[in-house]
Amino acid sequence: MSKKLTILDIAKLSGVGKSTVSRVLTNDPKVKPETREKVERVIAEHGYVPSKSAQSMRSGGTQKVIGVIISRLDSPSENKAVSSMLKVLYGAGYDVVIMESQFDPLKTNEHLSVLRKRNVDGVIVFGFTTLDLDVVASWDEKVVVIAMDTDRVSSINYDNAGLIQAVLDKLKAQGVSQLAFIGVDPNDKTTGLARLNAYQAWCEEQQLPICFRTGALHHESAYSLVDDVVTDSLQAIVCASDTLALGTIKRLQELGREDIIVTGIGGNELLSFLFPNIYSIDPGYHQAGEKAANLLIKQLKGEAIVSHLTQEAIY
């Protein structure tokens, strides 16, 4: 049985250095055409198949690896974005390391430190209110933040105000005028404050009474808040997320108030399947993930500058 060739063997047969063979294998554009042709000819003649580790290593560290720091591994919305993100990154030849921040800035900084030591090519970070932007900004063009606005680095956010307004306009078109809002603590600047502000502004514009409660981004929180907003005349409850809508529906069923319309934000297919009457708008999670991955790749290639994008809702 013949010995399996290594990168060093190919380098010796080609008359070049080991690092040059590595650059040929990773399609480095800096390799001279004649050198590339010579190395590729030797590879073809000897049927050399590079190992996974050989393909992914450059001198001094790993190559073509992107770190993705997600807030919660059990988040349906973030998983949608990651799904489309991975498709783009894998298609471009990148490996991906996924880590969870749990909305903890210190944990996020630790993850970023580990990723920097591993010499990853770039990172995508799911943002949250207390994210340490000074540390994130130190990555310069090698980072994209998703789900929040920041002028420090490239960012992609959702149209939080537009999402709430679209839901409210739809309810108005159905003749609904008595409605309440269940949201997230406004200390959260996106899902919390931005969506609450949109609800209040819309009610003021329509000269309708404002009735809302906020809590944690969890179905149990919404469940506990329903009793605070339900009245005999209430027609609808607008929820800041599908997770909150789930808890709201459960409590309304227990109260025998299935006459009250519930709306959510997230476009969760399972929620719509279980409760066909619910209206849930899709913020464009899949599209945002795809945009984040493509933007980061372009930045790493020097083809894009810092950008701030807003992902429109999918109707």
C-alpha atoms as a PDB file:
ATOM      1  CA  MET A   1       0.000   0.000   0.000  1.00  0.00           C
ATOM      2  CA  SER A   2       1.511   3.335  -1.064  1.00  0.00           C
ATOM      3  CA  LYS A   3       2.188   6.058   1.480  1.00  0.00           C
ATOM      4  CA  LYS A   4      -0.408   8.812   1.633  1.00  0.00           C
ATOM      5  CA  LEU A   5       1.202  12.045   0.457  1.00  0.00           C
ATOM      6  CA  THR A   6       1.331  15.139   2.674  1.00  0.00           C
ATOM      7  CA  ILE A   7       1.542  18.823   1.851  1.00  0.00           C
ATOM      8  CA  LEU A   8       5.301  18.604   2.524  1.00  0.00           C
ATOM      9  CA  ASP A   9       5.623  15.803  -0.042  1.00  0.00           C
ATOM     10  CA  ILE A  10       3.789  17.880  -2.651  1.00  0.00           C
ATOM     11  CA  ALA A  11       6.014  20.849  -1.837  1.00  0.00           C
ATOM     12  CA  LYS A  12       9.196  18.795  -2.397  1.00  0.00           C
ATOM     13  CA  LEU A  13       7.906  17.325  -5.657  1.00  0.00           C
ATOM     14  CA  SER A  14       6.905  20.785  -6.878  1.00  0.00           C
ATOM     15  CA  GLY A  15      10.119  22.484  -5.796  1.00  0.00           C
ATOM     16  CA  VAL A  16       8.278  25.043  -3.668  1.00  0.00           C
ATOM     17  CA  GLY A  17       7.723  25.696   0.010  1.00  0.00           C
ATOM     18  CA  LYS A  18       5.014  24.087   2.126  1.00  0.00           C
ATOM     19  CA  SER A  19       3.307  27.471   2.608  1.00  0.00           C
ATOM     20  CA  THR A  20       3.085  27.927  -1.161  1.00  0.00           C
ATOM     21  CA  VAL A  21       1.250  24.608  -1.511  1.00  0.00           C
ATOM     22  CA  SER A  22      -1.126  25.709   1.247  1.00  0.00           C
ATOM     23  CA  ARG A  23      -1.836  28.944  -0.604  1.00  0.00           C
ATOM     24  CA  VAL A  24      -2.533  27.033  -3.811  1.00  0.00           C
ATOM     25  CA  LEU A  25      -4.972  24.751  -1.968  1.00  0.00           C
ATOM     26  CA  THR A  26      -6.817  27.768  -0.521  1.00  0.00           C
ATOM     27  CA  ASN A  27      -6.900  29.629  -3.860  1.00  0.00           C
ATOM     28  CA  ASP A  28      -4.747  32.501  -2.630  1.00  0.00           C
ATOM     29  CA  PRO A  29      -4.717  35.047  -5.518  1.00  0.00           C
ATOM     30  CA  LYS A  30      -1.140  36.097  -4.628  1.00  0.00           C
ATOM     31  CA  VAL A  31       0.306  32.828  -5.993  1.00  0.00           C
ATOM     32  CA  LYS A  32       1.923  33.305  -9.398  1.00  0.00           C
ATOM     33  CA  PRO A  33       0.016  31.539 -12.233  1.00  0.00           C
ATOM     34  CA  GLU A  34       3.081  29.510 -13.286  1.00  0.00           C
ATOM     35  CA  THR A  35       3.682  28.378  -9.690  1.00  0.00           C
ATOM     36  CA  ARG A  36       0.032  27.453  -9.244  1.00  0.00           C
ATOM     37  CA  GLU A  37       0.094  25.452 -12.485  1.00  0.00           C
ATOM     38  CA  LYS A  38       3.228  23.549 -11.403  1.00  0.00           C
ATOM     39  CA  VAL A  39       1.780  22.644  -7.979  1.00  0.00           C
ATOM     40  CA  GLU A  40      -1.617  21.686  -9.368  1.00  0.00           C
ATOM     41  CA  ARG A  41       0.063  19.459 -11.973  1.00  0.00           C
ATOM     42  CA  VAL A  42       1.920  17.547  -9.236  1.00  0.00           C
ATOM     43  CA  ILE A  43      -1.286  17.256  -7.199  1.00  0.00           C
ATOM     44  CA  ALA A  44      -3.141  15.835 -10.211  1.00  0.00           C
ATOM     45  CA  GLU A  45      -0.336  13.407 -11.147  1.00  0.00           C
ATOM     46  CA  HIS A  46      -0.178  11.936  -7.647  1.00  0.00           C
ATOM     47  CA  GLY A  47      -3.912  12.001  -6.876  1.00  0.00           C
ATOM     48  CA  TYR A  48      -3.324  14.061  -3.740  1.00  0.00           C
ATOM     49  CA  VAL A  49      -6.449  14.796  -1.656  1.00  0.00           C
ATOM     50  CA  PRO A  50      -5.829  17.411   1.082  1.00  0.00           C
ATOM     51  CA  SER A  51      -7.087  16.587   4.559  1.00  0.00           C
ATOM     52  CA  LYS A  52      -9.685  18.776   6.227  1.00  0.00           C
ATOM     53  CA  SER A  53      -7.084  20.144   8.633  1.00  0.00           C
ATOM     54  CA  ALA A  54      -4.645  20.920   5.817  1.00  0.00           C
ATOM     55  CA  GLN A  55      -7.301  22.849   3.954  1.00  0.00           C
ATOM     56  CA  SER A  56      -8.242  24.860   7.009  1.00  0.00           C
ATOM     57  CA  MET A  57      -4.764  25.845   8.224  1.00  0.00           C
ATOM     58  CA  ARG A  58      -2.613  28.806   7.307  1.00  0.00           C
ATOM     59  CA  SER A  59       0.734  29.528   8.843  1.00  0.00           C
ATOM     60  CA  GLY A  60       0.183  30.621  12.431  1.00  0.00           C
ATOM     61  CA  GLY A  61      -3.473  29.670  12.773  1.00  0.00           C
ATOM     62  CA  THR A  62      -6.745  28.499  11.323  1.00  0.00           C
ATOM     63  CA  GLN A  63      -7.996  29.730   7.984  1.00  0.00           C
ATOM     64  CA  LYS A  64     -11.397  30.585   6.601  1.00  0.00           C
ATOM     65  CA  VAL A  65     -13.251  30.385   9.900  1.00  0.00           C
ATOM     66  CA  ILE A  66     -16.030  32.721  11.009  1.00  0.00           C
ATOM     67  CA  GLY A  67     -17.211  33.041  14.605  1.00  0.00           C
ATOM     68  CA  VAL A  68     -20.927  33.573  15.208  1.00  0.00           C
ATOM     69  CA  ILE A  69     -21.980  34.724  18.681  1.00  0.00           C
ATOM     70  CA  ILE A  70     -25.701  34.124  19.127  1.00  0.00           C
ATOM     71  CA  SER A  71     -27.671  35.459  22.111  1.00  0.00           C
ATOM     72  CA  ARG A  72     -29.651  32.300  22.866  1.00  0.00           C
ATOM     73  CA  LEU A  73     -29.281  28.904  21.266  1.00  0.00           C
ATOM     74  CA  ASP A  74     -33.019  28.301  21.796  1.00  0.00           C
ATOM     75  CA  SER A  75     -34.087  31.517  20.059  1.00  0.00           C
ATOM     76  CA  PRO A  76     -36.305  30.694  17.036  1.00  0.00           C
ATOM     77  CA  SER A  77     -35.654  34.104  15.490  1.00  0.00           C
ATOM     78  CA  GLU A  78     -31.877  33.947  15.806  1.00  0.00           C
ATOM     79  CA  ASN A  79     -31.824  30.348  14.582  1.00  0.00           C
ATOM     80  CA  LYS A  80     -33.622  31.466  11.423  1.00  0.00           C
ATOM     81  CA  ALA A  81     -30.945  34.078  10.809  1.00  0.00           C
ATOM     82  CA  VAL A  82     -28.141  31.619  11.562  1.00  0.00           C
ATOM     83  CA  SER A  83     -29.631  29.039   9.183  1.00  0.00           C
ATOM     84  CA  SER A  84     -29.370  31.339   6.164  1.00  0.00           C
ATOM     85  CA  MET A  85     -26.053  32.708   7.434  1.00  0.00           C
ATOM     86  CA  LEU A  86     -24.503  29.241   7.495  1.00  0.00           C
ATOM     87  CA  LYS A  87     -25.653  28.505   3.967  1.00  0.00           C
ATOM     88  CA  VAL A  88     -23.787  31.564   2.675  1.00  0.00           C
ATOM     89  CA  LEU A  89     -20.652  31.025   4.780  1.00  0.00           C
ATOM     90  CA  TYR A  90     -20.368  27.315   3.982  1.00  0.00           C
ATOM     91  CA  GLY A  91     -20.918  28.106   0.317  1.00  0.00           C
ATOM     92  CA  ALA A  92     -17.998  30.533   0.442  1.00  0.00           C
ATOM     93  CA  GLY A  93     -15.729  27.892   1.971  1.00  0.00           C
ATOM     94  CA  TYR A  94     -15.788  29.060   5.584  1.00  0.00           C
ATOM     95  CA  ASP A  95     -16.075  26.887   8.652  1.00  0.00           C
ATOM     96  CA  VAL A  96     -18.218  28.343  11.452  1.00  0.00           C
ATOM     97  CA  VAL A  97     -17.829  28.380  15.221  1.00  0.00           C
ATOM     98  CA  ILE A  98     -21.084  29.163  17.073  1.00  0.00           C
ATOM     99  CA  MET A  99     -21.022  30.501  20.641  1.00  0.00           C
ATOM    100  CA  GLU A 100     -23.765  31.744  22.991  1.00  0.00           C
ATOM    101  CA  SER A 101     -23.622  35.090  24.800  1.00  0.00           C
ATOM    102  CA  GLN A 102     -26.751  34.713  26.966  1.00  0.00           C
ATOM    103  CA  PHE A 103     -27.019  38.529  26.739  1.00  0.00           C
ATOM    104  CA  ASP A 104     -23.916  38.761  28.934  1.00  0.00           C
ATOM    105  CA  PRO A 105     -21.353  41.377  27.801  1.00  0.00           C
ATOM    106  CA  LEU A 106     -18.528  39.781  29.805  1.00  0.00           C
ATOM    107  CA  LYS A 107     -19.219  36.355  28.299  1.00  0.00           C
ATOM    108  CA  THR A 108     -19.348  37.937  24.855  1.00  0.00           C
ATOM    109  CA  ASN A 109     -15.977  39.590  25.415  1.00  0.00           C
ATOM    110  CA  GLU A 110     -14.540  36.246  26.513  1.00  0.00           C
ATOM    111  CA  HIS A 111     -15.847  34.625  23.345  1.00  0.00           C
ATOM    112  CA  LEU A 112     -14.354  37.391  21.203  1.00  0.00           C
ATOM    113  CA  SER A 113     -11.004  36.953  22.965  1.00  0.00           C
ATOM    114  CA  VAL A 114     -11.033  33.205  22.281  1.00  0.00           C
ATOM    115  CA  LEU A 115     -11.940  33.780  18.636  1.00  0.00           C
ATOM    116  CA  ARG A 116      -9.157  36.323  18.235  1.00  0.00           C
ATOM    117  CA  LYS A 117      -6.621  33.876  19.719  1.00  0.00           C
ATOM    118  CA  ARG A 118      -7.860  31.265  17.250  1.00  0.00           C
ATOM    119  CA  ASN A 119      -7.136  33.770  14.496  1.00  0.00           C
ATOM    120  CA  VAL A 120     -10.588  33.507  12.931  1.00  0.00           C
ATOM    121  CA  ASP A 121     -11.167  35.552   9.812  1.00  0.00           C
ATOM    122  CA  GLY A 122     -14.175  37.456  11.149  1.00  0.00           C
ATOM    123  CA  VAL A 123     -17.165  37.432  13.469  1.00  0.00           C
ATOM    124  CA  ILE A 124     -20.900  38.033  13.371  1.00  0.00           C
ATOM    125  CA  VAL A 125     -22.392  39.105  16.701  1.00  0.00           C
ATOM    126  CA  PHE A 126     -26.074  39.179  17.614  1.00  0.00           C
ATOM    127  CA  GLY A 127     -26.395  42.484  19.414  1.00  0.00           C
ATOM    128  CA  PHE A 128     -28.091  43.361  22.676  1.00  0.00           C
ATOM    129  CA  THR A 129     -28.381  46.549  24.713  1.00  0.00           C
ATOM    130  CA  THR A 130     -25.368  46.052  27.009  1.00  0.00           C
ATOM    131  CA  LEU A 131     -23.044  44.720  24.304  1.00  0.00           C
ATOM    132  CA  ASP A 132     -19.513  46.120  24.795  1.00  0.00           C
ATOM    133  CA  LEU A 133     -19.182  48.032  21.538  1.00  0.00           C
ATOM    134  CA  ASP A 134     -15.640  49.160  22.325  1.00  0.00           C
ATOM    135  CA  VAL A 135     -14.476  45.537  22.207  1.00  0.00           C
ATOM    136  CA  VAL A 136     -16.610  44.732  19.172  1.00  0.00           C
ATOM    137  CA  ALA A 137     -15.332  47.803  17.310  1.00  0.00           C
ATOM    138  CA  SER A 138     -11.738  46.627  17.785  1.00  0.00           C
ATOM    139  CA  TRP A 139     -12.471  44.037  15.080  1.00  0.00           C
ATOM    140  CA  ASP A 140     -12.924  46.858  12.537  1.00  0.00           C
ATOM    141  CA  GLU A 141     -13.945  45.490   9.127  1.00  0.00           C
ATOM    142  CA  LYS A 142     -13.859  41.904  10.421  1.00  0.00           C
ATOM    143  CA  VAL A 143     -17.186  42.122  12.255  1.00  0.00           C
ATOM    144  CA  VAL A 144     -20.878  42.597  11.529  1.00  0.00           C
ATOM    145  CA  VAL A 145     -23.429  43.155  14.295  1.00  0.00           C
ATOM    146  CA  ILE A 146     -26.948  41.895  13.663  1.00  0.00           C
ATOM    147  CA  ALA A 147     -30.263  42.789  15.375  1.00  0.00           C
ATOM    148  CA  MET A 148     -29.169  46.239  16.554  1.00  0.00           C
ATOM    149  CA  ASP A 149     -28.022  49.602  15.216  1.00  0.00           C
ATOM    150  CA  THR A 150     -24.506  50.862  15.821  1.00  0.00           C
ATOM    151  CA  ASP A 151     -22.398  53.390  13.946  1.00  0.00           C
ATOM    152  CA  ARG A 152     -19.179  51.816  15.247  1.00  0.00           C
ATOM    153  CA  VAL A 153     -19.133  48.817  12.900  1.00  0.00           C
ATOM    154  CA  SER A 154     -21.308  47.352  10.173  1.00  0.00           C
ATOM    155  CA  SER A 155     -24.765  46.513  11.488  1.00  0.00           C
ATOM    156  CA  ILE A 156     -28.052  45.061  10.309  1.00  0.00           C
ATOM    157  CA  ASN A 157     -31.185  45.759  12.316  1.00  0.00           C
ATOM    158  CA  TYR A 158     -34.871  44.990  11.931  1.00  0.00           C
ATOM    159  CA  ASP A 159     -37.489  47.644  11.254  1.00  0.00           C
ATOM    160  CA  ASN A 160     -38.922  47.486  14.775  1.00  0.00           C
ATOM    161  CA  ALA A 161     -41.162  50.537  14.440  1.00  0.00           C
ATOM    162  CA  GLY A 162     -42.378  49.496  11.004  1.00  0.00           C
ATOM    163  CA  LEU A 163     -43.275  46.003  12.235  1.00  0.00           C
ATOM    164  CA  ILE A 164     -45.528  47.309  15.008  1.00  0.00           C
ATOM    165  CA  GLN A 165     -47.119  49.901  12.755  1.00  0.00           C
ATOM    166  CA  ALA A 166     -47.896  47.264  10.113  1.00  0.00           C
ATOM    167  CA  VAL A 167     -49.628  45.062  12.698  1.00  0.00           C
ATOM    168  CA  LEU A 168     -51.636  47.974  14.102  1.00  0.00           C
ATOM    169  CA  ASP A 169     -52.675  49.195  10.664  1.00  0.00           C
ATOM    170  CA  LYS A 170     -53.933  45.698   9.844  1.00  0.00           C
ATOM    171  CA  LEU A 171     -56.012  45.621  13.030  1.00  0.00           C
ATOM    172  CA  LYS A 172     -57.411  49.054  12.278  1.00  0.00           C
ATOM    173  CA  ALA A 173     -58.464  47.868   8.817  1.00  0.00           C
ATOM    174  CA  GLN A 174     -60.402  45.074  10.566  1.00  0.00           C
ATOM    175  CA  GLY A 175     -62.283  47.618  12.650  1.00  0.00           C
ATOM    176  CA  VAL A 176     -60.316  47.057  15.867  1.00  0.00           C
ATOM    177  CA  SER A 177     -60.086  50.106  18.132  1.00  0.00           C
ATOM    178  CA  GLN A 178     -59.772  48.613  21.613  1.00  0.00           C
ATOM    179  CA  LEU A 179     -56.334  47.078  21.868  1.00  0.00           C
ATOM    180  CA  ALA A 180     -53.496  46.564  24.315  1.00  0.00           C
ATOM    181  CA  PHE A 181     -49.776  45.868  24.019  1.00  0.00           C
ATOM    182  CA  ILE A 182     -47.614  43.299  25.810  1.00  0.00           C
ATOM    183  CA  GLY A 183     -43.926  43.910  25.330  1.00  0.00           C
ATOM    184  CA  VAL A 184     -40.409  43.624  26.663  1.00  0.00           C
ATOM    185  CA  ASP A 185     -38.818  45.788  29.342  1.00  0.00           C
ATOM    186  CA  PRO A 186     -37.853  49.078  27.644  1.00  0.00           C
ATOM    187  CA  ASN A 187     -34.318  48.734  29.002  1.00  0.00           C
ATOM    188  CA  ASP A 188     -33.982  46.540  25.918  1.00  0.00           C
ATOM    189  CA  LYS A 189     -33.567  49.202  23.233  1.00  0.00           C
ATOM    190  CA  THR A 190     -34.819  47.134  20.281  1.00  0.00           C
ATOM    191  CA  THR A 191     -37.500  44.539  20.985  1.00  0.00           C
ATOM    192  CA  GLY A 192     -38.332  46.482  24.138  1.00  0.00           C
ATOM    193  CA  LEU A 193     -38.140  50.249  23.741  1.00  0.00           C
ATOM    194  CA  ALA A 194     -38.414  50.610  19.958  1.00  0.00           C
ATOM    195  CA  ARG A 195     -41.533  48.454  19.654  1.00  0.00           C
ATOM    196  CA  LEU A 196     -43.203  49.997  22.714  1.00  0.00           C
ATOM    197  CA  ASN A 197     -42.544  53.491  21.397  1.00  0.00           C
ATOM    198  CA  ALA A 198     -44.055  52.532  18.043  1.00  0.00           C
ATOM    199  CA  TYR A 199     -47.227  51.290  19.748  1.00  0.00           C
ATOM    200  CA  GLN A 200     -47.583  54.440  21.846  1.00  0.00           C
ATOM    201  CA  ALA A 201     -46.948  56.754  18.896  1.00  0.00           C
ATOM    202  CA  TRP A 202     -49.543  54.946  16.782  1.00  0.00           C
ATOM    203  CA  CYS A 203     -52.181  55.144  19.520  1.00  0.00           C
ATOM    204  CA  GLU A 204     -51.533  58.845  20.010  1.00  0.00           C
ATOM    205  CA  GLU A 205     -51.837  59.446  16.274  1.00  0.00           C
ATOM    206  CA  GLN A 206     -55.109  57.511  16.160  1.00  0.00           C
ATOM    207  CA  GLN A 207     -56.318  59.165  19.384  1.00  0.00           C
ATOM    208  CA  LEU A 208     -56.814  55.800  21.038  1.00  0.00           C
ATOM    209  CA  PRO A 209     -56.198  54.939  24.705  1.00  0.00           C
ATOM    210  CA  ILE A 210     -52.794  53.502  25.540  1.00  0.00           C
ATOM    211  CA  CYS A 211     -52.727  50.275  27.543  1.00  0.00           C
ATOM    212  CA  PHE A 212     -49.578  48.197  27.891  1.00  0.00           C
ATOM    213  CA  ARG A 213     -47.486  46.022  30.168  1.00  0.00           C
ATOM    214  CA  THR A 214     -43.862  44.946  29.738  1.00  0.00           C
ATOM    215  CA  GLY A 215     -41.756  42.170  31.181  1.00  0.00           C
ATOM    216  CA  ALA A 216     -39.186  39.578  30.184  1.00  0.00           C
ATOM    217  CA  LEU A 217     -38.829  38.121  26.703  1.00  0.00           C
ATOM    218  CA  HIS A 218     -40.440  34.863  27.794  1.00  0.00           C
ATOM    219  CA  HIS A 219     -43.875  33.280  27.322  1.00  0.00           C
ATOM    220  CA  GLU A 220     -44.356  32.965  31.088  1.00  0.00           C
ATOM    221  CA  SER A 221     -43.881  36.715  31.460  1.00  0.00           C
ATOM    222  CA  ALA A 222     -46.589  37.442  28.903  1.00  0.00           C
ATOM    223  CA  TYR A 223     -48.876  34.881  30.520  1.00  0.00           C
ATOM    224  CA  SER A 224     -48.622  36.734  33.847  1.00  0.00           C
ATOM    225  CA  LEU A 225     -49.298  40.136  32.266  1.00  0.00           C
ATOM    226  CA  VAL A 226     -52.505  39.311  30.386  1.00  0.00           C
ATOM    227  CA  ASP A 227     -54.827  39.863  33.335  1.00  0.00           C
ATOM    228  CA  ASP A 228     -53.484  43.417  33.692  1.00  0.00           C
ATOM    229  CA  VAL A 229     -54.674  44.466  30.242  1.00  0.00           C
ATOM    230  CA  VAL A 230     -57.839  42.428  29.622  1.00  0.00           C
ATOM    231  CA  THR A 231     -61.153  44.288  29.794  1.00  0.00           C
ATOM    232  CA  ASP A 232     -64.661  43.354  28.706  1.00  0.00           C
ATOM    233  CA  SER A 233     -64.340  45.540  25.610  1.00  0.00           C
ATOM    234  CA  LEU A 234     -60.797  44.571  24.607  1.00  0.00           C
ATOM    235  CA  GLN A 235     -60.601  43.395  21.000  1.00  0.00           C
ATOM    236  CA  ALA A 236     -56.908  42.650  20.463  1.00  0.00           C
ATOM    237  CA  ILE A 237     -53.550  42.239  22.185  1.00  0.00           C
ATOM    238  CA  VAL A 238     -50.463  43.176  20.190  1.00  0.00           C
ATOM    239  CA  CYS A 239     -47.372  41.265  21.345  1.00  0.00           C
ATOM    240  CA  ALA A 240     -43.807  42.394  20.743  1.00  0.00           C
ATOM    241  CA  SER A 241     -42.756  38.857  19.770  1.00  0.00           C
ATOM    242  CA  ASP A 242     -44.154  35.433  18.936  1.00  0.00           C
ATOM    243  CA  THR A 243     -42.794  34.130  22.237  1.00  0.00           C
ATOM    244  CA  LEU A 244     -44.945  36.632  24.110  1.00  0.00           C
ATOM    245  CA  ALA A 245     -47.907  35.840  21.865  1.00  0.00           C
ATOM    246  CA  LEU A 246     -47.683  32.173  22.875  1.00  0.00           C
ATOM    247  CA  GLY A 247     -47.998  32.983  26.575  1.00  0.00           C
ATOM    248  CA  THR A 248     -50.773  35.475  25.875  1.00  0.00           C
ATOM    249  CA  ILE A 249     -52.847  32.948  23.933  1.00  0.00           C
ATOM    250  CA  LYS A 250     -52.567  30.349  26.685  1.00  0.00           C
ATOM    251  CA  ARG A 251     -53.859  32.761  29.337  1.00  0.00           C
ATOM    252  CA  LEU A 252     -56.689  34.033  27.134  1.00  0.00           C
ATOM    253  CA  GLN A 253     -57.818  30.453  26.553  1.00  0.00           C
ATOM    254  CA  GLU A 254     -57.938  29.891  30.307  1.00  0.00           C
ATOM    255  CA  LEU A 255     -59.981  33.065  30.696  1.00  0.00           C
ATOM    256  CA  GLY A 256     -62.382  31.989  27.962  1.00  0.00           C
ATOM    257  CA  ARG A 257     -61.524  35.092  25.927  1.00  0.00           C
ATOM    258  CA  GLU A 258     -60.770  33.552  22.558  1.00  0.00           C
ATOM    259  CA  ASP A 259     -62.683  36.455  21.036  1.00  0.00           C
ATOM    260  CA  ILE A 260     -59.604  38.628  21.553  1.00  0.00           C
ATOM    261  CA  ILE A 261     -57.275  38.781  18.548  1.00  0.00           C
ATOM    262  CA  VAL A 262     -53.603  38.145  19.291  1.00  0.00           C
ATOM    263  CA  THR A 263     -50.770  39.289  17.051  1.00  0.00           C
ATOM    264  CA  GLY A 264     -47.065  38.510  17.204  1.00  0.00           C
ATOM    265  CA  ILE A 265     -43.794  39.323  15.505  1.00  0.00           C
ATOM    266  CA  GLY A 266     -41.549  36.582  14.214  1.00  0.00           C
ATOM    267  CA  GLY A 267     -43.439  34.672  11.531  1.00  0.00           C
ATOM    268  CA  ASN A 268     -43.128  31.455  13.556  1.00  0.00           C
ATOM    269  CA  GLU A 269     -44.560  28.652  11.410  1.00  0.00           C
ATOM    270  CA  LEU A 270     -45.367  26.402  14.381  1.00  0.00           C
ATOM    271  CA  LEU A 271     -47.275  29.171  16.145  1.00  0.00           C
ATOM    272  CA  SER A 272     -49.333  29.861  13.036  1.00  0.00           C
ATOM    273  CA  PHE A 273     -49.987  26.133  12.596  1.00  0.00           C
ATOM    274  CA  LEU A 274     -51.192  25.670  16.169  1.00  0.00           C
ATOM    275  CA  PHE A 275     -53.213  28.894  16.199  1.00  0.00           C
ATOM    276  CA  PRO A 276     -54.384  29.656  12.633  1.00  0.00           C
ATOM    277  CA  ASN A 277     -56.187  32.828  13.693  1.00  0.00           C
ATOM    278  CA  ILE A 278     -53.053  34.542  14.969  1.00  0.00           C
ATOM    279  CA  TYR A 279     -51.416  37.153  12.760  1.00  0.00           C
ATOM    280  CA  SER A 280     -47.623  37.098  12.990  1.00  0.00           C
ATOM    281  CA  ILE A 281     -45.406  39.246  10.811  1.00  0.00           C
ATOM    282  CA  ASP A 282     -41.973  38.036   9.671  1.00  0.00           C
ATOM    283  CA  PRO A 283     -39.232  40.627  10.358  1.00  0.00           C
ATOM    284  CA  GLY A 284     -37.031  39.012   7.710  1.00  0.00           C
ATOM    285  CA  TYR A 285     -34.760  36.910   9.910  1.00  0.00           C
ATOM    286  CA  HIS A 286     -33.602  34.669   7.052  1.00  0.00           C
ATOM    287  CA  GLN A 287     -32.823  37.662   4.857  1.00  0.00           C
ATOM    288  CA  ALA A 288     -30.938  39.475   7.631  1.00  0.00           C
ATOM    289  CA  GLY A 289     -28.733  36.450   8.284  1.00  0.00           C
ATOM    290  CA  GLU A 290     -27.928  36.161   4.605  1.00  0.00           C
ATOM    291  CA  LYS A 291     -27.129  39.871   4.378  1.00  0.00           C
ATOM    292  CA  ALA A 292     -24.859  39.715   7.427  1.00  0.00           C
ATOM    293  CA  ALA A 293     -22.853  36.818   6.000  1.00  0.00           C
ATOM    294  CA  ASN A 294     -22.498  38.373   2.547  1.00  0.00           C
ATOM    295  CA  LEU A 295     -21.535  41.747   3.992  1.00  0.00           C
ATOM    296  CA  LEU A 296     -18.849  40.239   6.203  1.00  0.00           C
ATOM    297  CA  ILE A 297     -17.397  38.227   3.319  1.00  0.00           C
ATOM    298  CA  LYS A 298     -17.223  41.347   1.149  1.00  0.00           C
ATOM    299  CA  GLN A 299     -15.556  43.284   3.948  1.00  0.00           C
ATOM    300  CA  LEU A 300     -12.955  40.555   4.414  1.00  0.00           C
ATOM    301  CA  LYS A 301     -12.210  40.728   0.692  1.00  0.00           C
ATOM    302  CA  GLY A 302     -11.939  44.519   0.837  1.00  0.00           C
ATOM    303  CA  GLU A 303     -14.983  44.905  -1.415  1.00  0.00           C
ATOM    304  CA  ALA A 304     -17.271  46.693   1.058  1.00  0.00           C
ATOM    305  CA  ILE A 305     -17.031  49.484   3.603  1.00  0.00           C
ATOM    306  CA  VAL A 306     -18.801  49.800   6.948  1.00  0.00           C
ATOM    307  CA  SER A 307     -22.563  49.655   6.273  1.00  0.00           C
ATOM    308  CA  HIS A 308     -25.716  50.122   8.325  1.00  0.00           C
ATOM    309  CA  LEU A 309     -28.704  48.255   6.921  1.00  0.00           C
ATOM    310  CA  THR A 310     -32.331  47.883   7.954  1.00  0.00           C
ATOM    311  CA  GLN A 311     -34.044  44.596   7.128  1.00  0.00           C
ATOM    312  CA  GLU A 312     -37.617  45.201   6.006  1.00  0.00           C
ATOM    313  CA  ALA A 313     -40.465  42.954   7.118  1.00  0.00           C
ATOM    314  CA  ILE A 314     -41.657  40.076   4.896  1.00  0.00           C
ATOM    315  CA  TYR A 315     -45.403  40.220   4.336  1.00  0.00           C
END
